[in-house]
Amino acid sequence: SNFARPGSRSVHNENYWANGEYVGLGVGAASYIGGRRSTHTRDLSEYVRAARERQPIPGESEELTGAARLGEATMLALRTREGVDVQAFRNKYGFDFLDYYARVIDELTSVGVLRVDPTHVRLTDRGRFVANDVARAFIA
């Protein structure tokens, strides 16, 4: 998924990187809807018992709000060649990406791991080698 040839990108993964919603079905499946991330239990017998009894499937859930939601969206977008689309970020979250993260962006561009142009913020070639560390800087 990270090194697909042109025209062969995974549509499935593109939805993840765009912080899109998805529904997971089955044992251990993950979903992300309305800012809430949840996973079903990985225990098959526990899953089957709940399903047979028409009970909610056991698992974990967390709601991403505020800075955590913005940081998650940034981390995911930086995993793509396009990076963060500044206008799309403003439209979806109501924040100016360049202003909101000005300090972090300045620091990361100064060390050569981030590149900013008028419409996008992207990892540099060097930044791709330390993508997890770069992404971590945006997570509050």
N, C-alpha and C. Protein backbone atom coordinates (compact mmCIF):
# COMPACT_ATOMS: atom_id res chain seq x y z
N SER A 1 0.82 -1.21 0.00
CA SER A 1 0.00 0.00 0.00
C SER A 1 0.85 1.26 0.00
N ASN A 2 2.03 1.21 0.60
CA ASN A 2 2.86 2.41 0.68
C ASN A 2 3.71 2.63 -0.55
N PHE A 3 3.88 1.61 -1.38
CA PHE A 3 4.76 1.72 -2.54
C PHE A 3 4.08 1.23 -3.81
N ALA A 4 2.81 1.55 -3.99
CA ALA A 4 2.06 1.10 -5.16
C ALA A 4 2.55 1.81 -6.42
N ARG A 5 2.48 1.09 -7.52
CA ARG A 5 2.80 1.68 -8.82
C ARG A 5 1.69 2.65 -9.21
N PRO A 6 1.99 3.63 -10.04
CA PRO A 6 0.95 4.56 -10.49
C PRO A 6 -0.23 3.80 -11.10
N GLY A 7 -1.42 4.19 -10.71
CA GLY A 7 -2.64 3.54 -11.19
C GLY A 7 -2.99 2.26 -10.46
N SER A 8 -2.20 1.86 -9.47
CA SER A 8 -2.44 0.61 -8.75
C SER A 8 -2.61 0.81 -7.26
N ARG A 9 -3.00 2.01 -6.86
CA ARG A 9 -3.17 2.30 -5.44
C ARG A 9 -4.39 1.57 -4.89
N SER A 10 -4.32 1.22 -3.64
CA SER A 10 -5.40 0.53 -2.96
C SER A 10 -6.50 1.52 -2.58
N VAL A 11 -7.68 1.37 -3.17
CA VAL A 11 -8.81 2.23 -2.82
C VAL A 11 -9.17 2.03 -1.35
N HIS A 12 -9.09 0.79 -0.90
CA HIS A 12 -9.37 0.46 0.50
C HIS A 12 -8.49 1.29 1.44
N ASN A 13 -7.19 1.30 1.18
CA ASN A 13 -6.28 2.04 2.05
C ASN A 13 -6.41 3.54 1.88
N GLU A 14 -6.74 4.01 0.68
CA GLU A 14 -6.91 5.45 0.47
C GLU A 14 -7.98 6.01 1.39
N ASN A 15 -9.02 5.25 1.66
CA ASN A 15 -10.06 5.70 2.58
C ASN A 15 -9.49 5.87 3.99
N TYR A 16 -8.64 4.95 4.43
CA TYR A 16 -7.98 5.10 5.74
C TYR A 16 -7.15 6.38 5.78
N TRP A 17 -6.31 6.56 4.76
CA TRP A 17 -5.39 7.70 4.76
C TRP A 17 -6.14 9.03 4.71
N ALA A 18 -7.34 9.02 4.12
CA ALA A 18 -8.16 10.23 4.05
C ALA A 18 -9.00 10.42 5.31
N ASN A 19 -8.79 9.57 6.31
CA ASN A 19 -9.55 9.62 7.57
C ASN A 19 -11.04 9.43 7.30
N GLY A 20 -11.33 8.59 6.30
CA GLY A 20 -12.72 8.29 5.95
C GLY A 20 -13.35 7.31 6.91
N GLU A 21 -14.65 7.21 6.85
CA GLU A 21 -15.37 6.27 7.72
C GLU A 21 -15.36 4.88 7.09
N TYR A 22 -15.43 3.86 7.94
CA TYR A 22 -15.51 2.48 7.46
C TYR A 22 -16.14 1.63 8.55
N VAL A 23 -16.76 0.54 8.13
CA VAL A 23 -17.40 -0.40 9.04
C VAL A 23 -16.71 -1.73 8.91
N GLY A 24 -16.29 -2.29 10.04
CA GLY A 24 -15.67 -3.60 10.06
C GLY A 24 -16.65 -4.63 10.57
N LEU A 25 -16.71 -5.77 9.90
CA LEU A 25 -17.62 -6.85 10.28
C LEU A 25 -16.81 -8.10 10.58
N GLY A 26 -17.10 -8.73 11.71
CA GLY A 26 -16.44 -9.98 12.05
C GLY A 26 -15.53 -9.86 13.26
N VAL A 27 -14.92 -10.98 13.60
CA VAL A 27 -14.04 -11.07 14.75
C VAL A 27 -12.83 -10.17 14.56
N GLY A 28 -12.54 -9.33 15.54
CA GLY A 28 -11.37 -8.47 15.50
C GLY A 28 -11.50 -7.29 14.53
N ALA A 29 -12.66 -7.11 13.92
CA ALA A 29 -12.83 -6.05 12.93
C ALA A 29 -12.83 -4.67 13.57
N ALA A 30 -12.34 -3.70 12.82
CA ALA A 30 -12.29 -2.31 13.28
C ALA A 30 -13.25 -1.46 12.45
N SER A 31 -13.83 -0.45 13.10
CA SER A 31 -14.71 0.51 12.44
C SER A 31 -14.30 1.91 12.86
N TYR A 32 -14.65 2.87 12.01
CA TYR A 32 -14.43 4.28 12.35
C TYR A 32 -15.61 5.06 11.79
N ILE A 33 -16.46 5.55 12.68
CA ILE A 33 -17.67 6.25 12.28
C ILE A 33 -17.87 7.45 13.19
N GLY A 34 -18.03 8.63 12.59
CA GLY A 34 -18.32 9.84 13.34
C GLY A 34 -17.27 10.18 14.39
N GLY A 35 -16.00 9.89 14.09
CA GLY A 35 -14.94 10.21 15.04
C GLY A 35 -14.76 9.17 16.14
N ARG A 36 -15.52 8.07 16.08
CA ARG A 36 -15.40 6.99 17.08
C ARG A 36 -14.77 5.78 16.42
N ARG A 37 -13.65 5.34 17.00
CA ARG A 37 -12.94 4.16 16.52
C ARG A 37 -13.30 3.01 17.46
N SER A 38 -13.66 1.87 16.88
CA SER A 38 -14.02 0.72 17.71
C SER A 38 -13.50 -0.56 17.07
N THR A 39 -13.29 -1.55 17.91
CA THR A 39 -12.86 -2.86 17.44
C THR A 39 -13.67 -3.93 18.15
N HIS A 40 -13.97 -4.99 17.41
CA HIS A 40 -14.64 -6.15 18.00
C HIS A 40 -13.62 -7.03 18.70
N THR A 41 -14.09 -7.81 19.65
CA THR A 41 -13.23 -8.76 20.33
C THR A 41 -12.56 -9.69 19.32
N ARG A 42 -11.37 -10.16 19.67
CA ARG A 42 -10.66 -11.14 18.84
C ARG A 42 -10.94 -12.57 19.32
N ASP A 43 -11.71 -12.69 20.37
CA ASP A 43 -12.05 -13.99 20.94
C ASP A 43 -13.27 -14.54 20.20
N LEU A 44 -13.07 -15.57 19.37
CA LEU A 44 -14.15 -16.11 18.54
C LEU A 44 -15.33 -16.59 19.37
N SER A 45 -15.09 -17.31 20.45
CA SER A 45 -16.20 -17.84 21.24
C SER A 45 -17.00 -16.70 21.89
N GLU A 46 -16.31 -15.67 22.34
CA GLU A 46 -16.99 -14.51 22.92
C GLU A 46 -17.83 -13.79 21.85
N TYR A 47 -17.28 -13.67 20.66
CA TYR A 47 -17.98 -13.02 19.55
C TYR A 47 -19.24 -13.81 19.19
N VAL A 48 -19.10 -15.14 19.03
CA VAL A 48 -20.23 -15.99 18.64
C VAL A 48 -21.30 -15.99 19.73
N ARG A 49 -20.89 -16.05 20.99
CA ARG A 49 -21.87 -16.02 22.09
C ARG A 49 -22.71 -14.76 22.03
N ALA A 50 -22.07 -13.61 21.88
CA ALA A 50 -22.79 -12.34 21.83
C ALA A 50 -23.72 -12.30 20.62
N ALA A 51 -23.24 -12.76 19.47
CA ALA A 51 -24.06 -12.75 18.25
C ALA A 51 -25.28 -13.64 18.41
N ARG A 52 -25.09 -14.84 18.95
CA ARG A 52 -26.22 -15.77 19.16
C ARG A 52 -27.25 -15.21 20.12
N GLU A 53 -26.77 -14.50 21.13
CA GLU A 53 -27.68 -13.92 22.13
C GLU A 53 -28.20 -12.55 21.72
N ARG A 54 -27.83 -12.14 20.50
CA ARG A 54 -28.23 -10.84 19.97
C ARG A 54 -27.86 -9.69 20.92
N GLN A 55 -26.64 -9.82 21.45
CA GLN A 55 -26.08 -8.82 22.34
C GLN A 55 -25.04 -8.01 21.57
N PRO A 56 -24.71 -6.82 22.05
CA PRO A 56 -23.63 -6.07 21.40
C PRO A 56 -22.33 -6.89 21.42
N ILE A 57 -21.60 -6.81 20.34
CA ILE A 57 -20.33 -7.54 20.25
C ILE A 57 -19.32 -6.87 21.18
N PRO A 58 -18.70 -7.62 22.07
CA PRO A 58 -17.70 -7.03 22.97
C PRO A 58 -16.51 -6.47 22.19
N GLY A 59 -15.90 -5.46 22.74
CA GLY A 59 -14.73 -4.87 22.11
C GLY A 59 -14.35 -3.58 22.80
N GLU A 60 -13.57 -2.79 22.11
CA GLU A 60 -13.11 -1.51 22.66
C GLU A 60 -13.55 -0.39 21.74
N SER A 61 -13.67 0.80 22.33
CA SER A 61 -14.10 1.95 21.57
C SER A 61 -13.48 3.21 22.16
N GLU A 62 -13.15 4.16 21.28
CA GLU A 62 -12.67 5.45 21.75
C GLU A 62 -13.14 6.53 20.79
N GLU A 63 -13.46 7.68 21.33
CA GLU A 63 -13.87 8.80 20.50
C GLU A 63 -12.71 9.77 20.37
N LEU A 64 -12.40 10.11 19.14
CA LEU A 64 -11.33 11.07 18.88
C LEU A 64 -11.96 12.45 18.75
N THR A 65 -11.55 13.36 19.61
CA THR A 65 -12.09 14.72 19.57
C THR A 65 -10.94 15.71 19.63
N GLY A 66 -11.24 16.95 19.29
CA GLY A 66 -10.28 18.04 19.44
C GLY A 66 -8.95 17.77 18.79
N ALA A 67 -7.89 18.06 19.53
CA ALA A 67 -6.52 17.94 19.02
C ALA A 67 -6.19 16.51 18.61
N ALA A 68 -6.75 15.52 19.31
CA ALA A 68 -6.48 14.13 18.96
C ALA A 68 -7.02 13.80 17.58
N ARG A 69 -8.20 14.30 17.25
CA ARG A 69 -8.79 14.04 15.94
C ARG A 69 -7.99 14.74 14.84
N LEU A 70 -7.56 15.97 15.08
CA LEU A 70 -6.76 16.70 14.09
C LEU A 70 -5.40 16.02 13.89
N GLY A 71 -4.79 15.59 14.99
CA GLY A 71 -3.51 14.90 14.89
C GLY A 71 -3.61 13.59 14.14
N GLU A 72 -4.68 12.84 14.39
CA GLU A 72 -4.91 11.58 13.68
C GLU A 72 -5.07 11.84 12.18
N ALA A 73 -5.86 12.84 11.82
CA ALA A 73 -6.07 13.17 10.41
C ALA A 73 -4.75 13.56 9.75
N THR A 74 -3.93 14.31 10.46
CA THR A 74 -2.64 14.73 9.92
C THR A 74 -1.71 13.54 9.74
N MET A 75 -1.63 12.70 10.75
CA MET A 75 -0.78 11.51 10.68
C MET A 75 -1.16 10.65 9.48
N LEU A 76 -2.44 10.45 9.27
CA LEU A 76 -2.89 9.62 8.15
C LEU A 76 -2.58 10.27 6.81
N ALA A 77 -2.84 11.58 6.69
CA ALA A 77 -2.58 12.28 5.42
C ALA A 77 -1.10 12.28 5.07
N LEU A 78 -0.24 12.39 6.07
CA LEU A 78 1.20 12.42 5.80
C LEU A 78 1.72 11.09 5.28
N ARG A 79 0.94 10.04 5.41
CA ARG A 79 1.34 8.74 4.89
C ARG A 79 1.13 8.63 3.38
N THR A 80 0.55 9.67 2.79
CA THR A 80 0.30 9.66 1.35
C THR A 80 1.30 10.57 0.63
N ARG A 81 1.45 10.35 -0.66
CA ARG A 81 2.31 11.21 -1.48
C ARG A 81 1.78 12.64 -1.48
N GLU A 82 0.45 12.80 -1.46
CA GLU A 82 -0.15 14.13 -1.51
C GLU A 82 0.04 14.89 -0.21
N GLY A 83 0.09 14.21 0.90
CA GLY A 83 0.22 14.87 2.19
C GLY A 83 -1.08 15.52 2.62
N VAL A 84 -0.98 16.56 3.40
CA VAL A 84 -2.15 17.26 3.92
C VAL A 84 -2.59 18.31 2.90
N ASP A 85 -3.83 18.19 2.46
CA ASP A 85 -4.44 19.20 1.59
C ASP A 85 -4.98 20.28 2.51
N VAL A 86 -4.35 21.44 2.50
CA VAL A 86 -4.64 22.50 3.45
C VAL A 86 -6.10 22.96 3.36
N GLN A 87 -6.63 23.12 2.15
CA GLN A 87 -8.02 23.57 2.00
C GLN A 87 -9.01 22.49 2.45
N ALA A 88 -8.74 21.25 2.11
CA ALA A 88 -9.62 20.15 2.53
C ALA A 88 -9.64 20.05 4.06
N PHE A 89 -8.50 20.25 4.68
CA PHE A 89 -8.40 20.22 6.14
C PHE A 89 -9.29 21.31 6.74
N ARG A 90 -9.20 22.52 6.18
CA ARG A 90 -10.02 23.64 6.67
C ARG A 90 -11.51 23.31 6.49
N ASN A 91 -11.86 22.78 5.34
CA ASN A 91 -13.27 22.48 5.06
C ASN A 91 -13.81 21.41 6.00
N LYS A 92 -13.02 20.40 6.28
CA LYS A 92 -13.50 19.28 7.10
C LYS A 92 -13.47 19.58 8.60
N TYR A 93 -12.42 20.28 9.07
CA TYR A 93 -12.24 20.45 10.51
C TYR A 93 -12.41 21.88 10.99
N GLY A 94 -12.50 22.84 10.08
CA GLY A 94 -12.73 24.23 10.48
C GLY A 94 -11.50 24.93 11.03
N PHE A 95 -10.32 24.42 10.73
CA PHE A 95 -9.07 25.01 11.21
C PHE A 95 -8.15 25.26 10.03
N ASP A 96 -7.38 26.33 10.11
CA ASP A 96 -6.33 26.58 9.13
C ASP A 96 -5.12 25.75 9.56
N PHE A 97 -4.81 24.74 8.79
CA PHE A 97 -3.74 23.80 9.12
C PHE A 97 -2.41 24.50 9.35
N LEU A 98 -2.08 25.43 8.46
CA LEU A 98 -0.79 26.12 8.55
C LEU A 98 -0.69 26.98 9.81
N ASP A 99 -1.77 27.60 10.21
CA ASP A 99 -1.77 28.40 11.44
C ASP A 99 -1.78 27.51 12.68
N TYR A 100 -2.66 26.51 12.67
CA TYR A 100 -2.83 25.64 13.84
C TYR A 100 -1.53 24.92 14.20
N TYR A 101 -0.81 24.47 13.18
CA TYR A 101 0.42 23.72 13.42
C TYR A 101 1.68 24.50 13.06
N ALA A 102 1.62 25.82 13.07
CA ALA A 102 2.74 26.67 12.61
C ALA A 102 4.06 26.31 13.28
N ARG A 103 4.07 26.15 14.59
CA ARG A 103 5.32 25.85 15.31
C ARG A 103 5.90 24.50 14.87
N VAL A 104 5.06 23.49 14.79
CA VAL A 104 5.52 22.15 14.40
C VAL A 104 6.01 22.17 12.95
N ILE A 105 5.27 22.83 12.08
CA ILE A 105 5.65 22.90 10.68
C ILE A 105 7.00 23.61 10.52
N ASP A 106 7.18 24.72 11.21
CA ASP A 106 8.45 25.45 11.13
C ASP A 106 9.62 24.57 11.57
N GLU A 107 9.42 23.87 12.67
CA GLU A 107 10.48 23.01 13.21
C GLU A 107 10.83 21.88 12.23
N LEU A 108 9.81 21.25 11.68
CA LEU A 108 10.06 20.10 10.80
C LEU A 108 10.56 20.50 9.42
N THR A 109 10.16 21.67 8.93
CA THR A 109 10.72 22.13 7.66
C THR A 109 12.18 22.54 7.83
N SER A 110 12.51 23.08 8.99
CA SER A 110 13.89 23.52 9.22
C SER A 110 14.88 22.35 9.28
N VAL A 111 14.41 21.17 9.64
CA VAL A 111 15.29 20.00 9.67
C VAL A 111 15.16 19.15 8.41
N GLY A 112 14.35 19.63 7.45
CA GLY A 112 14.29 19.00 6.15
C GLY A 112 13.43 17.77 6.01
N VAL A 113 12.46 17.58 6.89
CA VAL A 113 11.62 16.40 6.78
C VAL A 113 10.20 16.72 6.30
N LEU A 114 9.90 18.00 6.17
CA LEU A 114 8.57 18.43 5.74
C LEU A 114 8.72 19.52 4.69
N ARG A 115 7.84 19.51 3.69
CA ARG A 115 7.85 20.52 2.63
C ARG A 115 6.46 21.15 2.57
N VAL A 116 6.43 22.47 2.48
CA VAL A 116 5.17 23.21 2.43
C VAL A 116 5.09 23.96 1.12
N ASP A 117 3.94 23.81 0.44
CA ASP A 117 3.68 24.64 -0.73
C ASP A 117 2.32 25.31 -0.49
N PRO A 118 1.84 26.13 -1.38
CA PRO A 118 0.60 26.87 -1.11
C PRO A 118 -0.64 26.00 -0.83
N THR A 119 -0.64 24.76 -1.31
CA THR A 119 -1.84 23.93 -1.14
C THR A 119 -1.66 22.69 -0.28
N HIS A 120 -0.43 22.24 -0.08
CA HIS A 120 -0.19 20.97 0.62
C HIS A 120 1.02 21.04 1.55
N VAL A 121 1.00 20.16 2.53
CA VAL A 121 2.16 19.93 3.40
C VAL A 121 2.48 18.45 3.25
N ARG A 122 3.74 18.16 2.86
CA ARG A 122 4.14 16.79 2.54
C ARG A 122 5.45 16.44 3.22
N LEU A 123 5.67 15.14 3.33
CA LEU A 123 6.97 14.65 3.76
C LEU A 123 7.96 14.85 2.61
N THR A 124 9.19 15.17 2.94
CA THR A 124 10.26 15.16 1.95
C THR A 124 10.73 13.72 1.79
N ASP A 125 11.63 13.49 0.85
CA ASP A 125 12.18 12.13 0.71
C ASP A 125 12.83 11.71 2.03
N ARG A 126 13.55 12.61 2.63
CA ARG A 126 14.19 12.33 3.93
C ARG A 126 13.13 12.06 5.00
N GLY A 127 12.04 12.84 4.95
CA GLY A 127 10.97 12.69 5.92
C GLY A 127 10.28 11.34 5.86
N ARG A 128 10.25 10.73 4.68
CA ARG A 128 9.61 9.41 4.55
C ARG A 128 10.33 8.35 5.38
N PHE A 129 11.63 8.53 5.57
CA PHE A 129 12.38 7.55 6.36
C PHE A 129 12.09 7.67 7.85
N VAL A 130 11.57 8.82 8.26
CA VAL A 130 11.26 9.03 9.69
C VAL A 130 9.79 9.46 9.83
N ALA A 131 8.94 8.91 8.97
CA ALA A 131 7.53 9.31 8.92
C ALA A 131 6.82 9.17 10.26
N ASN A 132 7.08 8.10 10.99
CA ASN A 132 6.41 7.93 12.28
C ASN A 132 6.80 9.03 13.27
N ASP A 133 8.06 9.41 13.26
CA ASP A 133 8.50 10.49 14.16
C ASP A 133 7.89 11.83 13.75
N VAL A 134 7.82 12.08 12.45
CA VAL A 134 7.20 13.31 11.96
C VAL A 134 5.72 13.33 12.37
N ALA A 135 5.02 12.27 12.11
CA ALA A 135 3.59 12.19 12.46
C ALA A 135 3.36 12.39 13.96
N ARG A 136 4.23 11.82 14.76
CA ARG A 136 4.11 11.93 16.21
C ARG A 136 4.16 13.39 16.68
N ALA A 137 4.87 14.22 15.96
CA ALA A 137 4.98 15.63 16.33
C ALA A 137 3.64 16.36 16.20
N PHE A 138 2.72 15.83 15.41
CA PHE A 138 1.42 16.46 15.23
C PHE A 138 0.36 15.92 16.19
N ILE A 139 0.68 14.88 16.91
CA ILE A 139 -0.30 14.27 17.81
C ILE A 139 -0.12 14.85 19.20
N ALA A 140 -1.17 15.49 19.69
CA ALA A 140 -1.11 16.17 20.99
C ALA A 140 -1.13 15.20 22.15
